Amino acid sequence: MPRYDGPGAWAGAEAGGDRACGDARPDTTQAPNLATTIAIARLTPYRTGQMLAFLSVTTPSGIISHDWRLRVSRDGPWIAPPSKLHIDKDGQRRIDTAGKKLYSPLIGIS
């Protein structure tokens, strides 16, 4: 029986044997290895400030998500999920107390 090891995976088959289908439960004993569950579908270099590139990623189910950003800071590279500008009721961009634009995430990983 094939086993899907991604987030929210069913633990219906274990090493050494299968469990009965009625006893299948989500496997929450270990965090998924995202390197094996999410693939980079496209990388577009875009170097400016901390920004290195835009990414499109593909999930095991085939969903493609665009506009992920590969960034670098003093702690090393990291990937930011897609986001959009905060807009107030008058259609103006919202900023924080330091004058930086505020953004809302469009997608997240739990």
C-alpha atoms as a PDB file:
ATOM      1  CA  MET A   1       0.000   0.000   0.000  1.00  0.00           C
ATOM      2  CA  PRO A   2       1.529   3.395  -0.935  1.00  0.00           C
ATOM      3  CA  ARG A   3       2.135   5.830   1.877  1.00  0.00           C
ATOM      4  CA  TYR A   4       1.863   9.580   1.657  1.00  0.00           C
ATOM      5  CA  ASP A   5       4.280  11.239   4.079  1.00  0.00           C
ATOM      6  CA  GLY A   6       3.267  14.884   3.595  1.00  0.00           C
ATOM      7  CA  PRO A   7       1.531  17.226   6.037  1.00  0.00           C
ATOM      8  CA  GLY A   8      -1.734  15.761   7.268  1.00  0.00           C
ATOM      9  CA  ALA A   9      -0.669  12.334   6.044  1.00  0.00           C
ATOM     10  CA  TRP A  10      -2.554   9.223   7.047  1.00  0.00           C
ATOM     11  CA  ALA A  11      -0.444   6.781   9.000  1.00  0.00           C
ATOM     12  CA  GLY A  12      -2.330   3.797   7.618  1.00  0.00           C
ATOM     13  CA  ALA A  13       0.803   1.799   6.898  1.00  0.00           C
ATOM     14  CA  GLU A  14       3.703   1.465   9.281  1.00  0.00           C
ATOM     15  CA  ALA A  15       7.082  -0.141   8.856  1.00  0.00           C
ATOM     16  CA  GLY A  16       6.633  -3.847   9.482  1.00  0.00           C
ATOM     17  CA  GLY A  17       2.937  -4.028   8.601  1.00  0.00           C
ATOM     18  CA  ASP A  18      -0.322  -2.243   7.837  1.00  0.00           C
ATOM     19  CA  ARG A  19      -2.899  -1.068  10.324  1.00  0.00           C
ATOM     20  CA  ALA A  20      -6.548  -1.716   9.674  1.00  0.00           C
ATOM     21  CA  CYS A  21      -8.142   1.064   7.599  1.00  0.00           C
ATOM     22  CA  GLY A  22     -10.581   1.877  10.387  1.00  0.00           C
ATOM     23  CA  ASP A  23      -7.698   2.575  12.776  1.00  0.00           C
ATOM     24  CA  ALA A  24      -5.847   5.029  10.486  1.00  0.00           C
ATOM     25  CA  ARG A  25      -4.969   8.317  12.185  1.00  0.00           C
ATOM     26  CA  PRO A  26      -2.949  11.340  11.069  1.00  0.00           C
ATOM     27  CA  ASP A  27       0.746  10.886  11.842  1.00  0.00           C
ATOM     28  CA  THR A  28       1.600  13.735  14.212  1.00  0.00           C
ATOM     29  CA  THR A  29       4.700  12.178  15.766  1.00  0.00           C
ATOM     30  CA  GLN A  30       7.130  14.057  13.519  1.00  0.00           C
ATOM     31  CA  ALA A  31       7.080  17.308  11.582  1.00  0.00           C
ATOM     32  CA  PRO A  32       7.104  16.764   7.817  1.00  0.00           C
ATOM     33  CA  ASN A  33      10.315  17.306   5.909  1.00  0.00           C
ATOM     34  CA  LEU A  34       9.259  20.225   3.702  1.00  0.00           C
ATOM     35  CA  ALA A  35      12.236  19.674   1.408  1.00  0.00           C
ATOM     36  CA  THR A  36      10.577  16.439   0.247  1.00  0.00           C
ATOM     37  CA  THR A  37       6.998  17.711   0.178  1.00  0.00           C
ATOM     38  CA  ILE A  38       7.301  21.104  -1.564  1.00  0.00           C
ATOM     39  CA  ALA A  39       9.239  21.547  -4.823  1.00  0.00           C
ATOM     40  CA  ILE A  40      10.501  24.736  -6.459  1.00  0.00           C
ATOM     41  CA  ALA A  41       8.742  24.933  -9.819  1.00  0.00           C
ATOM     42  CA  ARG A  42      10.361  28.180 -10.984  1.00  0.00           C
ATOM     43  CA  LEU A  43      13.078  30.524  -9.712  1.00  0.00           C
ATOM     44  CA  THR A  44      13.344  34.027 -11.181  1.00  0.00           C
ATOM     45  CA  PRO A  45      16.401  36.008 -10.036  1.00  0.00           C
ATOM     46  CA  TYR A  46      15.476  39.486  -8.771  1.00  0.00           C
ATOM     47  CA  ARG A  47      18.307  41.034  -6.771  1.00  0.00           C
ATOM     48  CA  THR A  48      17.503  44.214  -4.849  1.00  0.00           C
ATOM     49  CA  GLY A  49      18.332  44.909  -1.201  1.00  0.00           C
ATOM     50  CA  GLN A  50      17.629  41.713   0.796  1.00  0.00           C
ATOM     51  CA  MET A  51      15.717  40.170  -2.104  1.00  0.00           C
ATOM     52  CA  LEU A  52      17.422  37.469  -4.196  1.00  0.00           C
ATOM     53  CA  ALA A  53      14.647  35.864  -6.289  1.00  0.00           C
ATOM     54  CA  PHE A  54      10.961  35.080  -6.766  1.00  0.00           C
ATOM     55  CA  LEU A  55       9.877  31.443  -6.507  1.00  0.00           C
ATOM     56  CA  SER A  56       6.909  29.364  -7.591  1.00  0.00           C
ATOM     57  CA  VAL A  57       6.425  26.220  -5.504  1.00  0.00           C
ATOM     58  CA  THR A  58       4.457  23.022  -6.129  1.00  0.00           C
ATOM     59  CA  THR A  59       2.854  20.922  -3.384  1.00  0.00           C
ATOM     60  CA  PRO A  60       2.535  17.111  -3.594  1.00  0.00           C
ATOM     61  CA  SER A  61      -1.132  17.549  -4.577  1.00  0.00           C
ATOM     62  CA  GLY A  62      -0.093  19.663  -7.574  1.00  0.00           C
ATOM     63  CA  ILE A  63      -1.085  23.098  -6.258  1.00  0.00           C
ATOM     64  CA  ILE A  64       1.265  25.773  -7.597  1.00  0.00           C
ATOM     65  CA  SER A  65       1.791  28.900  -5.485  1.00  0.00           C
ATOM     66  CA  HIS A  66       3.524  31.930  -6.994  1.00  0.00           C
ATOM     67  CA  ASP A  67       5.379  34.973  -5.644  1.00  0.00           C
ATOM     68  CA  TRP A  68       7.315  33.371  -2.801  1.00  0.00           C
ATOM     69  CA  ARG A  69      10.436  35.462  -2.151  1.00  0.00           C
ATOM     70  CA  LEU A  70      13.960  34.226  -1.497  1.00  0.00           C
ATOM     71  CA  ARG A  71      15.567  36.763   0.829  1.00  0.00           C
ATOM     72  CA  VAL A  72      18.817  37.032   2.732  1.00  0.00           C
ATOM     73  CA  SER A  73      19.531  38.623   6.104  1.00  0.00           C
ATOM     74  CA  ARG A  74      22.497  38.602   8.450  1.00  0.00           C
ATOM     75  CA  ASP A  75      21.236  35.212   9.720  1.00  0.00           C
ATOM     76  CA  GLY A  76      21.283  33.715   6.216  1.00  0.00           C
ATOM     77  CA  PRO A  77      18.774  33.023   3.439  1.00  0.00           C
ATOM     78  CA  TRP A  78      15.063  32.506   4.102  1.00  0.00           C
ATOM     79  CA  ILE A  79      11.848  32.215   2.099  1.00  0.00           C
ATOM     80  CA  ALA A  80       8.897  34.575   2.596  1.00  0.00           C
ATOM     81  CA  PRO A  81       5.411  33.454   1.546  1.00  0.00           C
ATOM     82  CA  PRO A  82       3.298  35.586  -0.823  1.00  0.00           C
ATOM     83  CA  SER A  83       1.753  38.713   0.687  1.00  0.00           C
ATOM     84  CA  LYS A  84      -0.203  41.826  -0.271  1.00  0.00           C
ATOM     85  CA  LEU A  85      -0.151  45.431   0.906  1.00  0.00           C
ATOM     86  CA  HIS A  86      -2.524  46.487   3.687  1.00  0.00           C
ATOM     87  CA  ILE A  87      -5.008  48.979   2.231  1.00  0.00           C
ATOM     88  CA  ASP A  88      -7.191  51.167   4.463  1.00  0.00           C
ATOM     89  CA  LYS A  89     -10.882  51.970   3.881  1.00  0.00           C
ATOM     90  CA  ASP A  90      -9.889  55.012   1.790  1.00  0.00           C
ATOM     91  CA  GLY A  91      -7.711  52.913  -0.537  1.00  0.00           C
ATOM     92  CA  GLN A  92      -4.428  54.191   0.907  1.00  0.00           C
ATOM     93  CA  ARG A  93      -1.451  51.974   1.827  1.00  0.00           C
ATOM     94  CA  ARG A  94      -1.182  51.413   5.579  1.00  0.00           C
ATOM     95  CA  ILE A  95       2.158  51.971   7.307  1.00  0.00           C
ATOM     96  CA  ASP A  96       3.439  51.152  10.783  1.00  0.00           C
ATOM     97  CA  THR A  97       4.795  53.650  13.341  1.00  0.00           C
ATOM     98  CA  ALA A  98       8.281  53.388  11.794  1.00  0.00           C
ATOM     99  CA  GLY A  99       6.913  54.350   8.357  1.00  0.00           C
ATOM    100  CA  LYS A 100       7.230  50.855   6.829  1.00  0.00           C
ATOM    101  CA  LYS A 101       4.482  49.490   4.567  1.00  0.00           C
ATOM    102  CA  LEU A 102       2.283  46.824   6.190  1.00  0.00           C
ATOM    103  CA  TYR A 103       1.672  43.514   4.387  1.00  0.00           C
ATOM    104  CA  SER A 104      -0.821  40.662   4.886  1.00  0.00           C
ATOM    105  CA  PRO A 105       0.250  37.055   4.209  1.00  0.00           C
ATOM    106  CA  LEU A 106      -1.726  35.213   1.531  1.00  0.00           C
ATOM    107  CA  ILE A 107      -0.643  31.695   2.453  1.00  0.00           C
ATOM    108  CA  GLY A 108       0.937  29.997   5.448  1.00  0.00           C
ATOM    109  CA  ILE A 109       2.386  26.687   6.530  1.00  0.00           C
ATOM    110  CA  SER A 110       1.357  25.232   9.875  1.00  0.00           C
END
